[in-house]
Protein backbone atom coordinates (compact mmCIF):
# COMPACT_ATOMS: atom_id res chain seq x y z
CA UNK A 1 -7.27 53.35 -1.01
CA UNK A 2 -9.26 50.12 -0.83
CA UNK A 3 -10.13 47.88 -3.73
CA UNK A 4 -13.44 46.05 -4.00
CA UNK A 5 -13.71 42.59 -2.47
CA UNK A 6 -14.22 41.27 -6.00
CA UNK A 7 -10.89 42.68 -7.18
CA UNK A 8 -9.05 41.60 -4.05
CA UNK A 9 -10.29 38.02 -4.13
CA UNK A 10 -9.75 37.19 -7.80
CA UNK A 11 -6.40 35.55 -8.57
CA UNK A 12 -4.22 35.97 -11.64
CA UNK A 13 -4.39 33.13 -14.16
CA UNK A 14 -1.67 30.62 -13.23
CA UNK A 15 -0.98 29.76 -16.86
CA UNK A 16 -0.54 33.40 -17.88
CA UNK A 17 1.58 34.11 -14.78
CA UNK A 18 3.92 31.22 -15.58
CA UNK A 19 4.06 32.24 -19.22
CA UNK A 20 5.01 35.77 -18.16
CA UNK A 21 7.74 34.45 -15.81
CA UNK A 22 9.13 32.19 -18.52
CA UNK A 23 9.21 35.06 -21.01
CA UNK A 24 10.88 37.34 -18.46
CA UNK A 25 13.59 34.71 -17.89
CA UNK A 26 14.07 34.39 -21.65
CA UNK A 27 14.44 38.18 -21.97
CA UNK A 28 17.10 38.11 -19.25
CA UNK A 29 19.14 35.74 -21.39
CA UNK A 30 18.07 32.34 -20.03
CA UNK A 31 17.49 29.51 -22.47
CA UNK A 32 13.81 28.71 -21.76
CA UNK A 33 11.52 26.09 -23.31
CA UNK A 34 7.96 27.22 -22.68
CA UNK A 35 5.29 24.51 -22.67
CA UNK A 36 2.93 26.37 -20.35
CA UNK A 37 0.50 28.16 -22.68
CA UNK A 38 -2.00 26.55 -25.02
CA UNK A 39 -1.55 28.69 -28.12
CA UNK A 40 -1.20 27.17 -31.60
CA UNK A 41 2.14 28.06 -33.17
CA UNK A 42 0.57 28.31 -36.63
CA UNK A 43 -0.37 31.39 -38.63
CA UNK A 44 -3.97 32.51 -39.01
CA UNK A 45 -5.46 30.96 -42.19
CA UNK A 46 -5.01 33.05 -45.32
CA UNK A 47 -8.74 33.39 -45.99
CA UNK A 48 -9.25 35.01 -42.57
CA UNK A 49 -6.31 37.39 -42.99
CA UNK A 50 -7.51 38.47 -46.41
CA UNK A 51 -11.03 39.14 -45.14
CA UNK A 52 -9.64 41.27 -42.33
CA UNK A 53 -7.44 43.23 -44.73
CA UNK A 54 -10.35 43.84 -47.09
CA UNK A 55 -12.49 45.11 -44.20
CA UNK A 56 -9.79 47.50 -43.00
CA UNK A 57 -9.07 48.82 -46.50
CA UNK A 58 -12.78 49.39 -47.03
CA UNK A 59 -12.67 51.94 -44.21
CA UNK A 60 -16.03 51.07 -42.67
CA UNK A 61 -14.75 49.72 -39.36
CA UNK A 62 -17.47 50.88 -37.01
CA UNK A 63 -19.59 49.53 -34.19
CA UNK A 64 -21.69 46.48 -34.92
CA UNK A 65 -24.74 45.37 -32.91
CA UNK A 66 -23.82 44.09 -29.45
CA UNK A 67 -24.62 40.51 -30.50
CA UNK A 68 -22.50 40.79 -33.66
CA UNK A 69 -23.40 41.53 -37.26
CA UNK A 70 -26.45 39.72 -38.67
CA UNK A 71 -24.19 38.06 -41.25
CA UNK A 72 -21.77 36.84 -38.56
CA UNK A 73 -24.56 35.39 -36.41
CA UNK A 74 -26.07 33.67 -39.44
CA UNK A 75 -22.68 32.22 -40.39
CA UNK A 76 -22.29 30.75 -36.90
CA UNK A 77 -25.81 29.32 -37.06
CA UNK A 78 -24.94 27.55 -40.33
CA UNK A 79 -21.65 26.37 -38.83
CA UNK A 80 -23.55 24.89 -35.88
CA UNK A 81 -25.89 23.04 -38.20
CA UNK A 82 -22.89 21.54 -40.00
CA UNK A 83 -20.91 20.61 -36.89
CA UNK A 84 -23.60 19.95 -34.23
CA UNK A 85 -26.62 19.09 -36.33
CA UNK A 86 -30.20 20.29 -36.13
CA UNK A 87 -31.56 23.68 -37.09
CA UNK A 88 -30.13 26.85 -35.54
CA UNK A 89 -31.29 30.44 -35.88
CA UNK A 90 -29.20 33.60 -35.61
CA UNK A 91 -31.33 34.58 -32.57
CA UNK A 92 -29.71 31.68 -30.71
CA UNK A 93 -26.21 33.12 -31.29
CA UNK A 94 -24.39 36.00 -29.60
CA UNK A 95 -20.90 36.89 -30.84
CA UNK A 96 -18.36 37.62 -28.09
CA UNK A 97 -14.80 38.89 -27.77
CA UNK A 98 -13.51 35.34 -27.17
CA UNK A 99 -14.72 32.00 -25.84
CA UNK A 100 -13.59 33.10 -22.37
CA UNK A 101 -15.76 36.19 -22.82
CA UNK A 102 -18.62 33.96 -23.96
CA UNK A 103 -18.18 31.85 -20.83
CA UNK A 104 -18.25 34.87 -18.52
CA UNK A 105 -21.36 36.18 -20.29
CA UNK A 106 -23.14 32.84 -19.95
CA UNK A 107 -22.20 32.48 -16.28
CA UNK A 108 -23.36 35.99 -15.45
CA UNK A 109 -26.58 35.43 -17.38
CA UNK A 110 -27.43 32.19 -15.57
CA UNK A 111 -25.87 32.26 -12.09
CA UNK A 112 -27.23 34.20 -9.13
CA UNK A 113 -25.30 34.80 -5.89
CA UNK A 114 -24.78 31.54 -3.94
CA UNK A 115 -25.85 29.37 -6.89
CA UNK A 116 -23.54 26.39 -7.27
CA UNK A 117 -21.78 25.40 -10.51
CA UNK A 118 -20.23 21.94 -10.75
CA UNK A 119 -16.69 21.92 -12.16
CA UNK A 120 -15.53 18.47 -13.28
CA UNK A 121 -11.89 17.98 -12.32
CA UNK A 122 -9.36 18.50 -13.70
CA UNK A 123 -10.87 21.84 -14.71
CA UNK A 124 -9.45 24.84 -16.57
CA UNK A 125 -8.05 27.47 -14.22
CA UNK A 126 -10.43 30.33 -15.12
CA UNK A 127 -13.67 28.43 -14.42
CA UNK A 128 -13.36 28.89 -10.66
CA UNK A 129 -12.68 32.62 -10.80
CA UNK A 130 -15.38 33.40 -13.38
CA UNK A 131 -18.03 31.60 -11.30
CA UNK A 132 -16.87 33.47 -8.18
CA UNK A 133 -16.96 36.83 -9.99
CA UNK A 134 -20.62 36.17 -10.79
CA UNK A 135 -21.30 35.55 -7.10
CA UNK A 136 -21.66 31.82 -7.62
CA UNK A 137 -20.05 28.97 -5.73
CA UNK A 138 -17.71 26.69 -7.72
CA UNK A 139 -18.02 23.06 -6.61
CA UNK A 140 -15.16 20.79 -7.64
CA UNK A 141 -16.11 17.22 -8.55
CA UNK A 142 -13.26 14.66 -8.75
CA UNK A 143 -13.08 12.50 -11.85
CA UNK A 144 -11.91 8.95 -12.48
CA UNK A 145 -8.28 7.87 -12.47
CA UNK A 146 -8.20 8.30 -16.28
CA UNK A 147 -9.66 11.82 -15.83
CA UNK A 148 -13.02 10.78 -17.25
CA UNK A 149 -16.31 11.60 -15.48
CA UNK A 150 -17.31 9.96 -12.20
CA UNK A 151 -21.11 10.04 -12.37
CA UNK A 152 -21.56 8.83 -8.82
CA UNK A 153 -19.49 11.81 -7.63
CA UNK A 154 -21.43 14.18 -9.90
CA UNK A 155 -24.77 13.02 -8.52
CA UNK A 156 -23.53 13.33 -4.93
CA UNK A 157 -22.40 16.89 -5.62
CA UNK A 158 -25.83 18.09 -6.78
CA UNK A 159 -27.73 20.06 -4.14
CA UNK A 160 -30.85 22.28 -4.19
CA UNK A 161 -28.50 25.21 -4.92
CA UNK A 162 -26.88 23.62 -7.98
CA UNK A 163 -27.60 25.72 -11.08
CA UNK A 164 -25.29 24.37 -13.77
CA UNK A 165 -22.65 21.84 -14.75
CA UNK A 166 -19.64 22.95 -16.78
CA UNK A 167 -18.46 20.44 -19.39
CA UNK A 168 -15.16 20.82 -21.27
CA UNK A 169 -14.54 18.23 -23.97
CA UNK A 170 -11.92 17.84 -25.36
CA UNK A 171 -10.51 18.76 -21.98
CA UNK A 172 -7.99 21.33 -20.91
CA UNK A 173 -5.71 20.10 -19.26
CA UNK A 174 -6.05 16.38 -20.03
CA UNK A 175 -7.08 16.09 -23.68
CA UNK A 176 -9.78 13.64 -22.54
CA UNK A 177 -12.69 13.43 -25.01
CA UNK A 178 -16.04 12.41 -23.55
CA UNK A 179 -17.80 9.53 -25.26
CA UNK A 180 -21.25 9.98 -26.72
CA UNK A 181 -22.71 7.78 -23.96
CA UNK A 182 -21.03 9.91 -21.28
CA UNK A 183 -22.32 13.16 -22.80
CA UNK A 184 -25.82 11.66 -23.16
CA UNK A 185 -25.81 10.52 -19.53
CA UNK A 186 -24.76 13.97 -18.30
CA UNK A 187 -27.34 15.65 -20.55
CA UNK A 188 -30.11 13.40 -19.23
CA UNK A 189 -29.04 14.11 -15.65
CA UNK A 190 -29.19 17.87 -16.27
CA UNK A 191 -32.67 17.58 -17.77
CA UNK A 192 -33.91 15.45 -14.86
CA UNK A 193 -32.46 17.81 -12.24
CA UNK A 194 -33.36 21.04 -14.03
CA UNK A 195 -29.73 22.14 -14.50
CA UNK A 196 -28.01 24.14 -17.21
CA UNK A 197 -25.28 22.31 -19.11
CA UNK A 198 -22.58 24.78 -20.13
CA UNK A 199 -20.47 23.09 -22.81
CA UNK A 200 -17.06 24.60 -23.52
CA UNK A 201 -16.26 23.25 -26.99
CA UNK A 202 -13.30 25.43 -27.93
CA UNK A 203 -11.20 22.33 -28.77
CA UNK A 204 -14.01 20.54 -30.67
CA UNK A 205 -12.12 20.31 -33.99
CA UNK A 206 -8.93 18.99 -32.38
CA UNK A 207 -9.69 15.27 -32.02
CA UNK A 208 -7.07 12.87 -33.35
CA UNK A 209 -8.37 9.34 -32.91
CA UNK A 210 -11.60 7.50 -32.18
CA UNK A 211 -15.03 9.09 -32.42
CA UNK A 212 -15.35 12.88 -32.87
CA UNK A 213 -16.28 15.07 -29.94
CA UNK A 214 -20.04 14.86 -29.26
CA UNK A 215 -21.85 18.06 -28.27
CA UNK A 216 -24.80 17.91 -25.86
CA UNK A 217 -26.56 20.18 -28.35
CA UNK A 218 -26.49 17.33 -30.89
CA UNK A 219 -28.51 15.03 -28.62
CA UNK A 220 -32.23 15.05 -27.76
CA UNK A 221 -34.18 18.28 -28.08
CA UNK A 222 -34.75 18.62 -24.32
CA UNK A 223 -30.99 18.31 -23.73
CA UNK A 224 -30.24 20.94 -26.35
CA UNK A 225 -32.68 23.36 -24.68
CA UNK A 226 -30.66 23.02 -21.47
CA UNK A 227 -27.29 23.37 -23.25
CA UNK A 228 -25.19 26.51 -23.67
CA UNK A 229 -22.51 25.99 -26.34
CA UNK A 230 -19.29 28.01 -26.13
CA UNK A 231 -16.84 28.06 -29.04
CA UNK A 232 -14.52 30.39 -30.90
CA UNK A 233 -11.69 30.91 -33.37
CA UNK A 234 -8.66 30.68 -31.09
CA UNK A 235 -7.73 27.00 -31.05
CA UNK A 236 -9.22 25.39 -34.17
CA UNK A 237 -8.25 28.26 -36.48
CA UNK A 238 -5.02 29.44 -34.77
CA UNK A 239 -6.62 32.85 -34.16
CA UNK A 240 -5.83 33.45 -30.49
CA UNK A 241 -4.99 37.14 -30.83
CA UNK A 242 -8.13 37.96 -32.79
CA UNK A 243 -10.27 37.46 -29.66
CA UNK A 244 -13.54 36.29 -31.19
CA UNK A 245 -16.01 33.58 -30.15
CA UNK A 246 -19.69 32.97 -29.47
CA UNK A 247 -22.45 31.73 -27.19
CA UNK A 248 -25.11 29.51 -28.77
CA UNK A 249 -28.14 28.65 -26.66
CA UNK A 250 -31.87 29.14 -26.29
CA UNK A 251 -32.66 32.61 -27.64
CA UNK A 252 -33.52 33.88 -24.16
CA UNK A 253 -30.00 33.03 -22.96
CA UNK A 254 -28.34 34.46 -26.08
CA UNK A 255 -30.36 37.67 -25.64
CA UNK A 256 -29.39 37.91 -21.96
CA UNK A 257 -25.71 37.68 -22.87
CA UNK A 258 -26.25 40.36 -25.51
CA UNK A 259 -27.84 42.70 -22.96
CA UNK A 260 -25.01 42.22 -20.49
CA UNK A 261 -22.32 42.76 -23.09
CA UNK A 262 -24.06 45.82 -24.53
CA UNK A 263 -23.23 47.62 -21.28
CA UNK A 264 -20.00 45.94 -20.22
CA UNK A 265 -18.06 45.82 -23.49
CA UNK A 266 -20.22 47.09 -26.35
CA UNK A 267 -19.83 45.49 -29.77
CA UNK A 268 -17.43 42.66 -30.62
CA UNK A 269 -14.46 43.55 -32.79
CA UNK A 270 -15.58 44.38 -36.34
CA UNK A 271 -12.41 43.21 -38.10
CA UNK A 272 -12.24 39.97 -36.12
CA UNK A 273 -15.84 39.20 -37.01
CA UNK A 274 -15.03 39.52 -40.71
CA UNK A 275 -11.98 37.27 -40.34
CA UNK A 276 -13.81 34.59 -38.33
CA UNK A 277 -16.79 34.60 -40.69
CA UNK A 278 -14.45 34.02 -43.64
CA UNK A 279 -12.84 31.08 -41.81
CA UNK A 280 -16.25 29.55 -41.06
CA UNK A 281 -17.35 29.93 -44.66
CA UNK A 282 -14.13 28.69 -46.27
CA UNK A 283 -14.48 26.24 -49.18
CA UNK A 284 -14.57 22.65 -48.00
CA UNK A 285 -16.15 23.71 -44.68
CA UNK A 286 -12.85 24.88 -43.15
CA UNK A 287 -9.60 26.61 -44.19
CA UNK A 288 -7.15 24.24 -45.87
CA UNK A 289 -4.48 25.09 -43.27
CA UNK A 290 -6.57 23.53 -40.49
CA UNK A 291 -6.20 19.99 -41.82
CA UNK A 292 -2.40 20.31 -41.89
CA UNK A 293 -2.36 21.85 -38.41
CA UNK A 294 -4.42 19.02 -36.91
CA UNK A 295 -2.17 16.41 -38.53
CA UNK A 296 0.92 18.10 -37.09
CA UNK A 297 -0.62 18.29 -33.62
CA UNK A 298 -1.32 14.57 -33.83
CA UNK A 299 2.31 13.87 -34.78
CA UNK A 300 3.54 15.90 -31.82
CA UNK A 301 1.02 14.23 -29.52
CA UNK A 302 2.23 10.75 -30.37
CA UNK A 303 5.86 11.73 -29.91
CA UNK A 304 5.28 13.42 -26.56
CA UNK A 305 3.24 10.53 -25.18
CA UNK A 306 5.94 8.06 -26.20
CA UNK A 307 8.54 10.18 -24.41
CA UNK A 308 6.46 10.41 -21.24
CA UNK A 309 5.93 6.66 -21.37
CA UNK A 310 9.68 6.13 -21.66
CA UNK A 311 10.09 8.21 -18.47
CA UNK A 312 7.63 5.95 -16.69
CA UNK A 313 5.03 8.69 -16.40
CA UNK A 314 1.36 7.74 -16.68
CA UNK A 315 -0.99 10.20 -18.41
CA UNK A 316 -4.59 10.02 -19.67
CA UNK A 317 -4.76 9.37 -23.39
CA UNK A 318 -5.18 12.85 -24.92
CA UNK A 319 -7.49 12.09 -27.84
CA UNK A 320 -8.08 15.81 -28.27
CA UNK A 321 -6.89 19.37 -27.55
CA UNK A 322 -3.07 19.78 -27.37
CA UNK A 323 -2.08 18.89 -23.82
CA UNK A 324 -0.58 15.98 -21.92
CA UNK A 325 -1.26 15.64 -18.19
CA UNK A 326 1.16 13.12 -16.64
CA UNK A 327 1.10 12.00 -13.02
CA UNK A 328 4.28 13.17 -11.24
CA UNK A 329 3.16 12.29 -7.72
CA UNK A 330 6.31 10.38 -6.79
CA UNK A 331 8.46 13.44 -7.53
CA UNK A 332 6.54 15.92 -5.35
CA UNK A 333 7.64 17.41 -2.06
CA UNK A 334 5.47 19.30 0.43
CA UNK A 335 5.03 22.19 -2.05
CA UNK A 336 3.23 19.93 -4.48
CA UNK A 337 3.06 20.46 -8.23
CA UNK A 338 3.65 24.22 -7.90
CA UNK A 339 7.00 23.62 -6.21
CA UNK A 340 7.95 21.04 -8.81
CA UNK A 341 7.23 23.45 -11.67
CA UNK A 342 9.07 26.29 -9.95
CA UNK A 343 12.13 24.08 -9.47
CA UNK A 344 12.00 22.82 -13.06
CA UNK A 345 11.81 26.35 -14.45
CA UNK A 346 14.67 27.51 -12.26
CA UNK A 347 17.03 24.59 -12.79
CA UNK A 348 16.19 23.51 -16.35
CA UNK A 349 14.52 26.52 -17.93
CA UNK A 350 11.45 24.39 -18.65
CA UNK A 351 8.01 25.96 -18.06
CA UNK A 352 5.10 23.61 -17.33
CA UNK A 353 1.78 24.24 -15.55
CA UNK A 354 1.21 22.66 -12.11
CA UNK A 355 -1.80 20.38 -11.81
CA UNK A 356 -2.82 22.32 -8.69
CA UNK A 357 -4.05 25.04 -11.05
CA UNK A 358 -6.62 22.55 -12.36
CA UNK A 359 -7.55 21.09 -8.99
CA UNK A 360 -5.36 17.96 -9.31
CA UNK A 361 -2.07 18.53 -7.48
CA UNK A 362 -0.46 15.22 -8.47
CA UNK A 363 -0.06 16.10 -12.17
CA UNK A 364 1.52 18.69 -14.46
CA UNK A 365 0.38 19.96 -17.86
CA UNK A 366 2.54 20.12 -20.97
CA UNK A 367 1.28 21.91 -24.07
CA UNK A 368 2.44 20.44 -27.37
CA UNK A 369 1.27 23.51 -29.29
CA UNK A 370 4.92 24.16 -30.09
CA UNK A 371 7.51 22.77 -32.48
CA UNK A 372 8.79 19.19 -32.46
CA UNK A 373 12.27 20.53 -31.77
CA UNK A 374 11.08 22.29 -28.62
CA UNK A 375 9.06 19.26 -27.50
CA UNK A 376 12.12 17.04 -27.91
CA UNK A 377 14.27 19.49 -25.95
CA UNK A 378 11.57 19.82 -23.27
CA UNK A 379 11.43 16.07 -22.74
CA UNK A 380 15.25 15.90 -22.49
CA UNK A 381 15.21 18.57 -19.80
CA UNK A 382 12.31 16.95 -17.98
CA UNK A 383 13.99 13.54 -18.00
CA UNK A 384 17.21 15.06 -16.68
CA UNK A 385 15.39 16.96 -13.93
CA UNK A 386 13.35 13.98 -12.76
CA UNK A 387 16.37 11.67 -12.78
CA UNK A 388 18.00 13.74 -10.05
CA UNK A 389 14.84 14.68 -8.13
CA UNK A 390 15.07 13.63 -4.49
CA UNK A 391 11.94 13.92 -2.32
CA UNK A 392 10.91 12.48 1.08
CA UNK A 393 9.32 9.06 0.80
CA UNK A 394 6.16 10.22 2.57
CA UNK A 395 5.71 13.88 1.74
CA UNK A 396 2.40 15.57 2.68
CA UNK A 397 1.31 15.66 -0.96
CA UNK A 398 1.99 11.94 -1.41
CA UNK A 399 0.05 11.10 1.73
CA UNK A 400 -2.94 13.19 0.60
CA UNK A 401 -2.96 11.64 -2.86
CA UNK A 402 -3.13 8.16 -1.40
């Protein structure tokens, strides 16, 4: 029996694989601290849970339109006006089963076989595979030393086959938040070159210092017409398991995603739509629990960064999201960041994500979407592991990085 080339060539998500291994070790009795998965450790806001319960008790949990209920699409349009500015219509919104689902719908709607999509490194692990599944060609573009955008590299990477650029700000895995000038420059470049700008804004609300995250859709009208906004409930509202998100773009793009999803998955989850809509329409523009969650993430962020600094590890300043991405180059052997993370999990019971998963093999990712107690224990284990780490002075990874 032979599987399709598509199924054979796609790889399992590194973050989910490591999370599964860490959980398996924990079930076997090992004491494991898991900092590999970006999932808020907070409960879903009360207003969302109550809306879901009301919907279920009402008994009318049936299919909705493939693009979501009219009320849900209208609620997202109003949310976009509040958070991104301008006027949005429900025809520009398609509700999806998650932001990852929204991304796959947008990529399949826009990318033809052999079209190139620029991925700005470090880039989230699923971007590569989703572009490949659509028949496209992912093109990795290195960033600056601080993990910000290198516009000279971006311009060099554009070819006649380039179809889109994928922007993720705040970034997974670095927490880097693009400045308004950087977003405007990328938006202008996409307009001039006739490219789509796919903007993954799932961490938009999670910015802790400096200016808020700017969306390309909030810039000039011609930039907005080239922009596809992706967002959802998972990160900002601690609703990962509800699996609900959206695409917001020119109505022709939103309609294309709707047509694709009508055949591939049908309607988005009815109960999750009710819960997400309640969260979007909460008094004060967001559920009260969100403010407390963001403040706690900021507290954890500051503590973790101070600990990494005390270890002598350099990391980009994570103004947003809930990740730190320190450089561990001097501790790597020929197996790179994957080998380092495997050794750390085995010897210390500490699960991190190798930077190789994001296209930058000299770093590792730590998620601080966990308790302060676990972060403190994780940094103790990491410090202990690195203090005894012996590697060749000129390993292949070190030579490549230089």
